[in-house]
Amino acid sequence: QVQLVESGGGLVQAGGSLKLSCAASGSIFSMNAMGWYRQAPGKQRELVATSTSDGKTNYADSVKGRFAISRDNVKKTVYLQMGSLKPEDTAVYYCNVEATTHLWSALRDYWGQGTQVTVSS
């Protein structure tokens, strides 16, 4: 199966920056969309940013202008550069990748284990 390993989370003061990384490994034939989601305690998981295979990006209104998603298809890695962090950005961030493992297989969603981002005020 495809495995996603996330890194880069941690504690930061409001106004600071963090960069998250998510590296995919395993049997991957192709990748389509890659993205980041987050879930705060007591809230539903929400989309943060996505990137399609042709480089088109989409962001939640709450992070536009502050976060930037990028991808390296050779390294099979997606990044999330987070700047001007706010306490409300505190959440567990999950990486998501749409991928196929074989030529004949359909796209499936794969999720990372989650990485904690805590922004102090």
N, C-alpha and C. Protein backbone atom coordinates (compact mmCIF):
# COMPACT_ATOMS: atom_id res chain seq x y z
N GLN A 1 0.83 -1.20 0.00
CA GLN A 1 0.00 0.00 0.00
C GLN A 1 0.86 1.25 0.00
N VAL A 2 0.25 2.35 -0.37
CA VAL A 2 0.93 3.63 -0.37
C VAL A 2 1.01 4.15 1.05
N GLN A 3 2.16 4.67 1.41
CA GLN A 3 2.37 5.23 2.74
C GLN A 3 2.78 6.69 2.62
N LEU A 4 2.18 7.54 3.44
CA LEU A 4 2.51 8.95 3.47
C LEU A 4 3.11 9.28 4.82
N VAL A 5 4.29 9.88 4.82
CA VAL A 5 4.97 10.25 6.04
C VAL A 5 5.08 11.76 6.11
N GLU A 6 4.50 12.33 7.16
CA GLU A 6 4.49 13.76 7.33
C GLU A 6 5.57 14.20 8.32
N SER A 7 6.04 15.42 8.13
CA SER A 7 7.02 16.00 9.04
C SER A 7 6.91 17.51 8.99
N GLY A 8 7.50 18.17 9.97
CA GLY A 8 7.56 19.61 9.98
C GLY A 8 6.66 20.31 10.98
N GLY A 9 5.79 19.57 11.62
CA GLY A 9 4.92 20.18 12.61
C GLY A 9 5.68 20.57 13.86
N GLY A 10 5.02 21.34 14.71
CA GLY A 10 5.65 21.76 15.94
C GLY A 10 4.93 22.92 16.58
N LEU A 11 5.62 23.55 17.51
CA LEU A 11 5.08 24.69 18.23
C LEU A 11 5.71 25.97 17.70
N VAL A 12 4.88 26.98 17.50
CA VAL A 12 5.36 28.25 16.99
C VAL A 12 4.50 29.37 17.54
N GLN A 13 5.10 30.54 17.70
CA GLN A 13 4.34 31.70 18.16
C GLN A 13 3.52 32.29 17.02
N ALA A 14 2.46 32.97 17.38
CA ALA A 14 1.65 33.65 16.38
C ALA A 14 2.52 34.58 15.55
N GLY A 15 2.28 34.55 14.25
CA GLY A 15 3.07 35.34 13.33
C GLY A 15 4.26 34.60 12.75
N GLY A 16 4.56 33.44 13.29
CA GLY A 16 5.68 32.65 12.83
C GLY A 16 5.34 31.81 11.61
N SER A 17 6.31 30.99 11.22
CA SER A 17 6.17 30.17 10.02
C SER A 17 6.57 28.72 10.29
N LEU A 18 5.98 27.83 9.54
CA LEU A 18 6.34 26.42 9.55
C LEU A 18 6.17 25.88 8.14
N LYS A 19 6.95 24.86 7.82
CA LYS A 19 6.81 24.19 6.54
C LYS A 19 6.60 22.70 6.77
N LEU A 20 5.49 22.20 6.29
CA LEU A 20 5.15 20.80 6.40
C LEU A 20 5.56 20.06 5.14
N SER A 21 5.99 18.83 5.31
CA SER A 21 6.34 17.98 4.19
C SER A 21 5.60 16.66 4.29
N CYS A 22 5.28 16.09 3.16
CA CYS A 22 4.61 14.80 3.11
C CYS A 22 5.20 14.01 1.96
N ALA A 23 5.89 12.94 2.29
CA ALA A 23 6.55 12.11 1.30
C ALA A 23 5.79 10.81 1.10
N ALA A 24 5.49 10.51 -0.14
CA ALA A 24 4.79 9.28 -0.46
C ALA A 24 5.77 8.18 -0.85
N SER A 25 5.48 6.98 -0.44
CA SER A 25 6.32 5.84 -0.78
C SER A 25 5.44 4.62 -1.01
N GLY A 26 6.06 3.56 -1.49
CA GLY A 26 5.33 2.35 -1.79
C GLY A 26 5.11 2.21 -3.28
N SER A 27 4.19 1.35 -3.62
CA SER A 27 3.89 1.09 -5.02
C SER A 27 2.96 2.17 -5.56
N ILE A 28 3.55 3.13 -6.26
CA ILE A 28 2.79 4.24 -6.83
C ILE A 28 3.01 4.27 -8.33
N PHE A 29 1.92 4.12 -9.06
CA PHE A 29 2.01 4.21 -10.51
C PHE A 29 1.84 5.65 -10.98
N SER A 30 0.88 6.33 -10.41
CA SER A 30 0.65 7.72 -10.76
C SER A 30 0.01 8.45 -9.59
N MET A 31 0.17 9.75 -9.58
CA MET A 31 -0.44 10.60 -8.57
C MET A 31 -1.26 11.68 -9.25
N ASN A 32 -2.39 11.98 -8.69
CA ASN A 32 -3.22 13.05 -9.20
C ASN A 32 -3.16 14.22 -8.22
N ALA A 33 -4.25 14.50 -7.56
CA ALA A 33 -4.26 15.62 -6.63
C ALA A 33 -3.52 15.28 -5.35
N MET A 34 -2.89 16.29 -4.77
CA MET A 34 -2.25 16.20 -3.48
C MET A 34 -2.75 17.38 -2.66
N GLY A 35 -2.90 17.17 -1.37
CA GLY A 35 -3.43 18.26 -0.58
C GLY A 35 -3.22 18.11 0.91
N TRP A 36 -3.66 19.13 1.61
CA TRP A 36 -3.55 19.18 3.06
C TRP A 36 -4.91 19.48 3.66
N TYR A 37 -5.21 18.77 4.73
CA TYR A 37 -6.42 18.98 5.50
C TYR A 37 -6.02 19.15 6.96
N ARG A 38 -6.91 19.71 7.75
CA ARG A 38 -6.61 19.87 9.16
C ARG A 38 -7.86 19.65 9.99
N GLN A 39 -7.64 19.27 11.23
CA GLN A 39 -8.74 19.03 12.15
C GLN A 39 -8.36 19.53 13.54
N ALA A 40 -9.13 20.48 14.03
CA ALA A 40 -8.96 21.00 15.37
C ALA A 40 -9.88 20.25 16.31
N PRO A 41 -9.54 20.20 17.60
CA PRO A 41 -10.41 19.51 18.57
C PRO A 41 -11.84 20.04 18.53
N GLY A 42 -12.79 19.13 18.45
CA GLY A 42 -14.19 19.51 18.43
C GLY A 42 -14.70 20.01 17.10
N LYS A 43 -13.87 19.99 16.08
CA LYS A 43 -14.29 20.46 14.77
C LYS A 43 -14.09 19.38 13.72
N GLN A 44 -14.78 19.54 12.60
CA GLN A 44 -14.65 18.61 11.50
C GLN A 44 -13.36 18.86 10.73
N ARG A 45 -12.89 17.82 10.07
CA ARG A 45 -11.73 17.97 9.22
C ARG A 45 -12.08 18.87 8.04
N GLU A 46 -11.20 19.80 7.73
CA GLU A 46 -11.46 20.75 6.66
C GLU A 46 -10.30 20.81 5.68
N LEU A 47 -10.62 21.14 4.46
CA LEU A 47 -9.61 21.29 3.44
C LEU A 47 -8.81 22.56 3.68
N VAL A 48 -7.51 22.46 3.52
CA VAL A 48 -6.62 23.61 3.65
C VAL A 48 -6.14 24.06 2.28
N ALA A 49 -5.58 23.14 1.52
CA ALA A 49 -5.06 23.47 0.21
C ALA A 49 -4.92 22.21 -0.63
N THR A 50 -5.08 22.34 -1.93
CA THR A 50 -4.89 21.23 -2.84
C THR A 50 -4.07 21.67 -4.04
N SER A 51 -3.43 20.70 -4.67
CA SER A 51 -2.65 20.94 -5.87
C SER A 51 -2.90 19.80 -6.84
N THR A 52 -3.32 20.13 -8.04
CA THR A 52 -3.55 19.13 -9.07
C THR A 52 -2.24 18.79 -9.76
N SER A 53 -2.28 17.75 -10.57
CA SER A 53 -1.06 17.28 -11.24
C SER A 53 -0.49 18.30 -12.21
N ASP A 54 -1.33 19.21 -12.71
CA ASP A 54 -0.85 20.23 -13.63
C ASP A 54 -0.51 21.54 -12.92
N GLY A 55 -0.49 21.52 -11.60
CA GLY A 55 -0.03 22.66 -10.85
C GLY A 55 -1.09 23.65 -10.39
N LYS A 56 -2.34 23.39 -10.69
CA LYS A 56 -3.40 24.28 -10.24
C LYS A 56 -3.62 24.10 -8.75
N THR A 57 -3.78 25.21 -8.05
CA THR A 57 -3.93 25.17 -6.60
C THR A 57 -5.26 25.76 -6.16
N ASN A 58 -5.68 25.33 -4.98
CA ASN A 58 -6.89 25.83 -4.38
C ASN A 58 -6.67 25.94 -2.88
N TYR A 59 -7.17 27.02 -2.29
CA TYR A 59 -6.97 27.26 -0.87
C TYR A 59 -8.28 27.59 -0.17
N ALA A 60 -8.35 27.19 1.09
CA ALA A 60 -9.45 27.64 1.92
C ALA A 60 -9.33 29.14 2.11
N ASP A 61 -10.46 29.81 2.21
CA ASP A 61 -10.45 31.27 2.36
C ASP A 61 -9.65 31.70 3.59
N SER A 62 -9.68 30.90 4.62
CA SER A 62 -9.03 31.25 5.87
C SER A 62 -7.50 31.27 5.79
N VAL A 63 -6.93 30.66 4.76
CA VAL A 63 -5.48 30.59 4.66
C VAL A 63 -4.93 31.28 3.42
N LYS A 64 -5.79 31.79 2.57
CA LYS A 64 -5.34 32.46 1.35
C LYS A 64 -4.42 33.63 1.68
N GLY A 65 -3.32 33.70 0.97
CA GLY A 65 -2.36 34.75 1.20
C GLY A 65 -1.35 34.44 2.29
N ARG A 66 -1.58 33.39 3.06
CA ARG A 66 -0.68 33.02 4.15
C ARG A 66 0.00 31.68 3.91
N PHE A 67 -0.72 30.74 3.32
CA PHE A 67 -0.19 29.41 3.07
C PHE A 67 0.09 29.22 1.60
N ALA A 68 1.04 28.35 1.29
CA ALA A 68 1.37 28.02 -0.09
C ALA A 68 1.65 26.54 -0.20
N ILE A 69 0.97 25.89 -1.13
CA ILE A 69 1.19 24.47 -1.36
C ILE A 69 2.07 24.30 -2.60
N SER A 70 2.93 23.32 -2.55
CA SER A 70 3.78 23.00 -3.69
C SER A 70 4.03 21.50 -3.72
N ARG A 71 4.50 21.01 -4.84
CA ARG A 71 4.74 19.58 -4.96
C ARG A 71 5.97 19.30 -5.81
N ASP A 72 6.59 18.18 -5.53
CA ASP A 72 7.72 17.69 -6.29
C ASP A 72 7.35 16.28 -6.73
N ASN A 73 7.00 16.14 -7.98
CA ASN A 73 6.54 14.85 -8.47
C ASN A 73 7.66 13.81 -8.55
N VAL A 74 8.89 14.26 -8.71
CA VAL A 74 10.01 13.33 -8.74
C VAL A 74 10.24 12.74 -7.36
N LYS A 75 10.22 13.60 -6.35
CA LYS A 75 10.40 13.15 -4.97
C LYS A 75 9.11 12.61 -4.37
N LYS A 76 8.01 12.74 -5.09
CA LYS A 76 6.70 12.29 -4.61
C LYS A 76 6.39 12.93 -3.26
N THR A 77 6.58 14.22 -3.20
CA THR A 77 6.43 14.97 -1.96
C THR A 77 5.59 16.21 -2.18
N VAL A 78 4.74 16.50 -1.22
CA VAL A 78 3.95 17.72 -1.24
C VAL A 78 4.30 18.53 0.00
N TYR A 79 4.34 19.84 -0.15
CA TYR A 79 4.73 20.73 0.92
C TYR A 79 3.62 21.73 1.22
N LEU A 80 3.63 22.23 2.43
CA LEU A 80 2.74 23.31 2.81
C LEU A 80 3.55 24.33 3.59
N GLN A 81 3.82 25.46 2.95
CA GLN A 81 4.52 26.55 3.61
C GLN A 81 3.48 27.41 4.30
N MET A 82 3.59 27.53 5.60
CA MET A 82 2.62 28.28 6.40
C MET A 82 3.30 29.50 7.00
N GLY A 83 2.73 30.66 6.74
CA GLY A 83 3.25 31.89 7.28
C GLY A 83 2.17 32.69 7.97
N SER A 84 2.59 33.69 8.74
CA SER A 84 1.65 34.52 9.50
C SER A 84 0.67 33.66 10.28
N LEU A 85 1.19 32.68 10.96
CA LEU A 85 0.35 31.72 11.66
C LEU A 85 -0.45 32.37 12.77
N LYS A 86 -1.66 31.89 12.93
CA LYS A 86 -2.59 32.38 13.94
C LYS A 86 -2.95 31.24 14.89
N PRO A 87 -3.36 31.56 16.11
CA PRO A 87 -3.78 30.50 17.04
C PRO A 87 -4.87 29.60 16.47
N GLU A 88 -5.75 30.16 15.64
CA GLU A 88 -6.80 29.36 15.05
C GLU A 88 -6.31 28.37 14.00
N ASP A 89 -5.03 28.46 13.64
CA ASP A 89 -4.43 27.47 12.75
C ASP A 89 -4.04 26.20 13.49
N THR A 90 -4.10 26.24 14.81
CA THR A 90 -3.75 25.08 15.61
C THR A 90 -4.65 23.90 15.27
N ALA A 91 -4.05 22.80 14.89
CA ALA A 91 -4.79 21.62 14.47
C ALA A 91 -3.82 20.50 14.15
N VAL A 92 -4.37 19.33 13.93
CA VAL A 92 -3.59 18.24 13.36
C VAL A 92 -3.74 18.34 11.84
N TYR A 93 -2.63 18.39 11.16
CA TYR A 93 -2.63 18.53 9.71
C TYR A 93 -2.38 17.18 9.05
N TYR A 94 -3.23 16.84 8.10
CA TYR A 94 -3.16 15.57 7.41
C TYR A 94 -2.86 15.77 5.93
N CYS A 95 -1.95 15.00 5.43
CA CYS A 95 -1.64 14.98 4.02
C CYS A 95 -2.56 14.00 3.31
N ASN A 96 -2.99 14.37 2.12
CA ASN A 96 -3.85 13.51 1.31
C ASN A 96 -3.32 13.44 -0.11
N VAL A 97 -3.28 12.23 -0.64
CA VAL A 97 -2.81 12.03 -2.01
C VAL A 97 -3.76 11.11 -2.74
N GLU A 98 -4.14 11.50 -3.94
CA GLU A 98 -4.88 10.63 -4.84
C GLU A 98 -3.86 9.92 -5.72
N ALA A 99 -3.89 8.60 -5.70
CA ALA A 99 -2.88 7.85 -6.43
C ALA A 99 -3.43 6.52 -6.91
N THR A 100 -2.76 5.97 -7.92
CA THR A 100 -3.02 4.62 -8.38
C THR A 100 -1.78 3.79 -8.14
N THR A 101 -1.98 2.52 -7.86
CA THR A 101 -0.86 1.62 -7.63
C THR A 101 -0.55 0.77 -8.86
N HIS A 102 -1.46 0.73 -9.80
CA HIS A 102 -1.28 -0.03 -11.03
C HIS A 102 -1.91 0.71 -12.19
N LEU A 103 -1.50 0.35 -13.39
CA LEU A 103 -2.03 0.97 -14.60
C LEU A 103 -3.54 0.80 -14.68
N TRP A 104 -4.03 -0.32 -14.23
CA TRP A 104 -5.43 -0.65 -14.36
C TRP A 104 -6.28 -0.24 -13.16
N SER A 105 -5.66 0.24 -12.13
CA SER A 105 -6.38 0.56 -10.91
C SER A 105 -6.93 1.98 -10.93
N ALA A 106 -7.99 2.18 -10.15
CA ALA A 106 -8.61 3.49 -10.05
C ALA A 106 -7.90 4.33 -9.00
N LEU A 107 -8.14 5.63 -9.06
CA LEU A 107 -7.58 6.52 -8.06
C LEU A 107 -8.16 6.22 -6.68
N ARG A 108 -7.30 6.26 -5.69
CA ARG A 108 -7.71 6.09 -4.31
C ARG A 108 -7.10 7.18 -3.45
N ASP A 109 -7.76 7.48 -2.36
CA ASP A 109 -7.26 8.47 -1.41
C ASP A 109 -6.37 7.79 -0.37
N TYR A 110 -5.22 8.40 -0.13
CA TYR A 110 -4.32 7.94 0.90
C TYR A 110 -4.05 9.08 1.86
N TRP A 111 -3.94 8.74 3.14
CA TRP A 111 -3.80 9.75 4.19
C TRP A 111 -2.54 9.55 5.01
N GLY A 112 -1.93 10.64 5.39
CA GLY A 112 -0.81 10.60 6.30
C GLY A 112 -1.29 10.40 7.73
N GLN A 113 -0.33 10.23 8.63
CA GLN A 113 -0.67 9.96 10.03
C GLN A 113 -1.08 11.21 10.79
N GLY A 114 -0.83 12.36 10.23
CA GLY A 114 -1.14 13.62 10.87
C GLY A 114 0.05 14.17 11.63
N THR A 115 0.20 15.47 11.60
CA THR A 115 1.26 16.13 12.35
C THR A 115 0.66 17.33 13.07
N GLN A 116 1.01 17.48 14.34
CA GLN A 116 0.44 18.53 15.18
C GLN A 116 1.11 19.87 14.91
N VAL A 117 0.29 20.87 14.69
CA VAL A 117 0.75 22.25 14.58
C VAL A 117 0.07 23.04 15.68
N THR A 118 0.86 23.64 16.55
CA THR A 118 0.33 24.43 17.64
C THR A 118 0.87 25.84 17.56
N VAL A 119 -0.03 26.80 17.50
CA VAL A 119 0.34 28.21 17.42
C VAL A 119 -0.07 28.89 18.71
N SER A 120 0.88 29.41 19.43
CA SER A 120 0.62 30.07 20.70
C SER A 120 0.38 31.55 20.49
N SER A 121 -0.42 32.12 21.37
CA SER A 121 -0.72 33.54 21.31
C SER A 121 0.17 34.33 22.25
